Amino acid sequence: MLRWLLIILLVFLSAGAFYGGISMLLDPSGRLLQASTDMLQGSPFRNFLVPGIVLLLFNGVIPLVAAIGLILRKPAAPLPWLPLFKTRHWAWTLALASGIILSTWIAIQIAMIGYWSEFPIQGFYGGLGLLIIVLCGLTYHTNVATP
């Protein structure tokens, strides 16, 4: 049950990051997302190109790979060096990393540009990152080698 909830959250995160990241790459001005480069004041970025690349890779690709690993339950061969959870499939470690990356992304974003009350998505995704971390933690003591 927890595994499927985690898969749904990871796919949701990945889909949103792919949408946002690709939109930022296609139009670094932010207009496709109805965003303004004024939001980037206080950050080292003049447009959304670099944030789009980072968003796409770290919050799009990594959670998607984790979700696929949790769904397929294939042996750990593709990433044998990855397991943090020694009794769990590598995808659990990647899922935990996704939660940590997302929470860190939001914390850095708020530190750089502040919290935008008219942009409540920051709080939503910060909570999503924490929820992913908690779900991974709840499975830590389960002695099951598969996802």
Protein backbone atom coordinates (compact mmCIF):
# COMPACT_ATOMS: atom_id res chain seq x y z
CA MET A 1 0.00 0.00 0.00
CA LEU A 2 2.77 2.46 0.95
CA ARG A 3 4.69 1.47 -2.14
CA TRP A 4 1.79 2.35 -4.45
CA LEU A 5 1.17 5.64 -2.67
CA LEU A 6 4.85 6.47 -3.07
CA ILE A 7 4.74 5.51 -6.77
CA ILE A 8 1.77 7.82 -7.34
CA LEU A 9 3.52 10.71 -5.57
CA LEU A 10 6.76 10.16 -7.50
CA VAL A 11 4.95 10.04 -10.85
CA PHE A 12 3.01 13.19 -9.92
CA LEU A 13 6.24 14.97 -8.96
CA SER A 14 7.97 13.80 -12.13
CA ALA A 15 5.09 14.83 -14.41
CA GLY A 16 4.99 18.31 -12.88
CA ALA A 17 8.75 18.69 -13.16
CA PHE A 18 8.75 17.54 -16.77
CA TYR A 19 6.00 20.03 -17.59
CA GLY A 20 7.69 22.89 -15.75
CA GLY A 21 11.21 22.03 -16.85
CA ILE A 22 10.35 21.62 -20.52
CA SER A 23 8.28 24.82 -20.43
CA MET A 24 11.28 26.68 -18.98
CA LEU A 25 13.57 25.24 -21.65
CA LEU A 26 11.20 26.14 -24.48
CA ASP A 27 10.68 29.67 -23.16
CA PRO A 28 13.30 30.77 -20.58
CA SER A 29 11.38 34.03 -20.07
CA GLY A 30 8.77 32.05 -18.11
CA ARG A 31 5.80 33.19 -20.20
CA LEU A 32 4.68 29.62 -20.94
CA LEU A 33 4.25 29.13 -17.20
CA GLN A 34 2.77 32.60 -16.73
CA ALA A 35 5.81 33.46 -14.63
CA SER A 36 8.00 36.52 -14.74
CA THR A 37 11.76 36.78 -14.49
CA ASP A 38 11.03 39.28 -11.69
CA MET A 39 10.50 36.17 -9.55
CA LEU A 40 14.20 35.42 -9.96
CA GLN A 41 15.37 38.59 -8.20
CA GLY A 42 17.71 37.55 -5.42
CA SER A 43 18.85 34.48 -7.33
CA PRO A 44 21.89 34.14 -9.62
CA PHE A 45 19.63 33.51 -12.62
CA ARG A 46 18.49 36.03 -15.24
CA ASN A 47 15.99 33.64 -16.82
CA PHE A 48 14.49 30.20 -16.23
CA LEU A 49 16.85 28.17 -18.45
CA VAL A 50 19.17 26.80 -15.74
CA PRO A 51 16.37 26.30 -13.18
CA GLY A 52 14.46 24.45 -15.92
CA ILE A 53 17.36 22.09 -16.60
CA VAL A 54 17.84 21.40 -12.89
CA LEU A 55 14.10 20.94 -12.35
CA LEU A 56 13.85 18.52 -15.27
CA LEU A 57 16.83 16.40 -14.25
CA PHE A 58 16.54 16.32 -10.47
CA ASN A 59 12.79 16.53 -9.90
CA GLY A 60 11.71 14.92 -13.18
CA VAL A 61 14.11 12.15 -14.15
CA ILE A 62 15.19 10.89 -10.70
CA PRO A 63 11.65 10.40 -9.32
CA LEU A 64 10.57 8.78 -12.59
CA VAL A 65 13.43 6.26 -12.43
CA ALA A 66 12.54 5.57 -8.78
CA ALA A 67 8.87 5.01 -9.65
CA ILE A 68 9.77 2.70 -12.54
CA GLY A 69 12.06 0.72 -10.23
CA LEU A 70 9.31 0.41 -7.63
CA ILE A 71 6.82 -0.73 -10.27
CA LEU A 72 9.00 -3.24 -12.14
CA ARG A 73 10.69 -4.78 -9.09
CA LYS A 74 13.64 -5.83 -11.19
CA PRO A 75 16.84 -7.03 -9.50
CA ALA A 76 19.16 -4.37 -8.18
CA ALA A 77 21.71 -4.97 -10.95
CA PRO A 78 21.29 -1.58 -12.73
CA LEU A 79 22.35 0.38 -9.64
CA PRO A 80 24.10 -2.08 -7.27
CA TRP A 81 26.03 0.68 -5.50
CA LEU A 82 22.92 2.69 -4.65
CA PRO A 83 21.00 0.96 -1.83
CA LEU A 84 20.96 2.97 1.37
CA PHE A 85 18.30 0.61 2.67
CA LYS A 86 20.32 -2.63 2.68
CA THR A 87 17.20 -4.83 2.84
CA ARG A 88 15.32 -2.88 0.18
CA HIS A 89 15.46 -2.46 -3.57
CA TRP A 90 17.61 0.41 -4.92
CA ALA A 91 14.46 2.28 -5.98
CA TRP A 92 13.65 3.04 -2.32
CA THR A 93 16.94 4.89 -1.95
CA LEU A 94 16.25 6.82 -5.14
CA ALA A 95 12.75 7.64 -3.86
CA LEU A 96 14.24 8.95 -0.61
CA ALA A 97 16.74 11.00 -2.60
CA SER A 98 13.81 12.44 -4.58
CA GLY A 99 12.12 13.63 -1.40
CA ILE A 100 15.35 15.14 -0.07
CA ILE A 101 16.10 16.82 -3.41
CA LEU A 102 12.60 18.28 -3.65
CA SER A 103 12.63 19.56 -0.06
CA THR A 104 16.08 21.07 -0.60
CA TRP A 105 14.98 22.61 -3.92
CA ILE A 106 12.05 24.36 -2.22
CA ALA A 107 14.16 25.49 0.76
CA ILE A 108 16.81 26.98 -1.55
CA GLN A 109 14.12 28.57 -3.71
CA ILE A 110 12.52 30.25 -0.69
CA ALA A 111 15.93 31.34 0.63
CA MET A 112 16.84 32.90 -2.73
CA ILE A 113 13.60 34.49 -3.88
CA GLY A 114 11.44 34.36 -0.76
CA TYR A 115 8.06 32.77 -0.22
CA TRP A 116 5.51 34.04 -2.71
CA SER A 117 2.02 33.99 -1.18
CA GLU A 118 0.60 34.35 -4.69
CA PHE A 119 2.61 31.25 -5.64
CA PRO A 120 1.42 28.70 -3.02
CA ILE A 121 2.83 25.83 -5.03
CA GLN A 122 6.08 26.21 -3.04
CA GLY A 123 4.38 25.06 0.16
CA PHE A 124 2.58 22.25 -1.62
CA TYR A 125 5.76 20.83 -3.14
CA GLY A 126 7.71 21.34 0.09
CA GLY A 127 5.07 19.23 1.83
CA LEU A 128 5.21 16.66 -0.97
CA GLY A 129 8.97 16.31 -0.49
CA LEU A 130 8.53 15.76 3.24
CA LEU A 131 5.75 13.23 2.63
CA ILE A 132 7.99 11.25 0.27
CA ILE A 133 10.74 11.22 2.92
CA VAL A 134 8.28 10.05 5.60
CA LEU A 135 6.89 7.27 3.38
CA CYS A 136 10.42 6.02 2.68
CA GLY A 137 11.21 6.15 6.39
CA LEU A 138 8.09 4.16 7.28
CA THR A 139 9.38 1.30 5.15
CA TYR A 140 12.90 1.32 6.61
CA HIS A 141 12.29 -1.44 9.16
CA THR A 142 10.42 -3.71 6.76
CA ASN A 143 12.66 -6.67 5.97
CA VAL A 144 11.66 -7.22 2.37
CA ALA A 145 14.27 -7.37 -0.36
CA THR A 146 11.88 -6.38 -3.15
CA PRO A 147 10.18 -3.02 -3.53
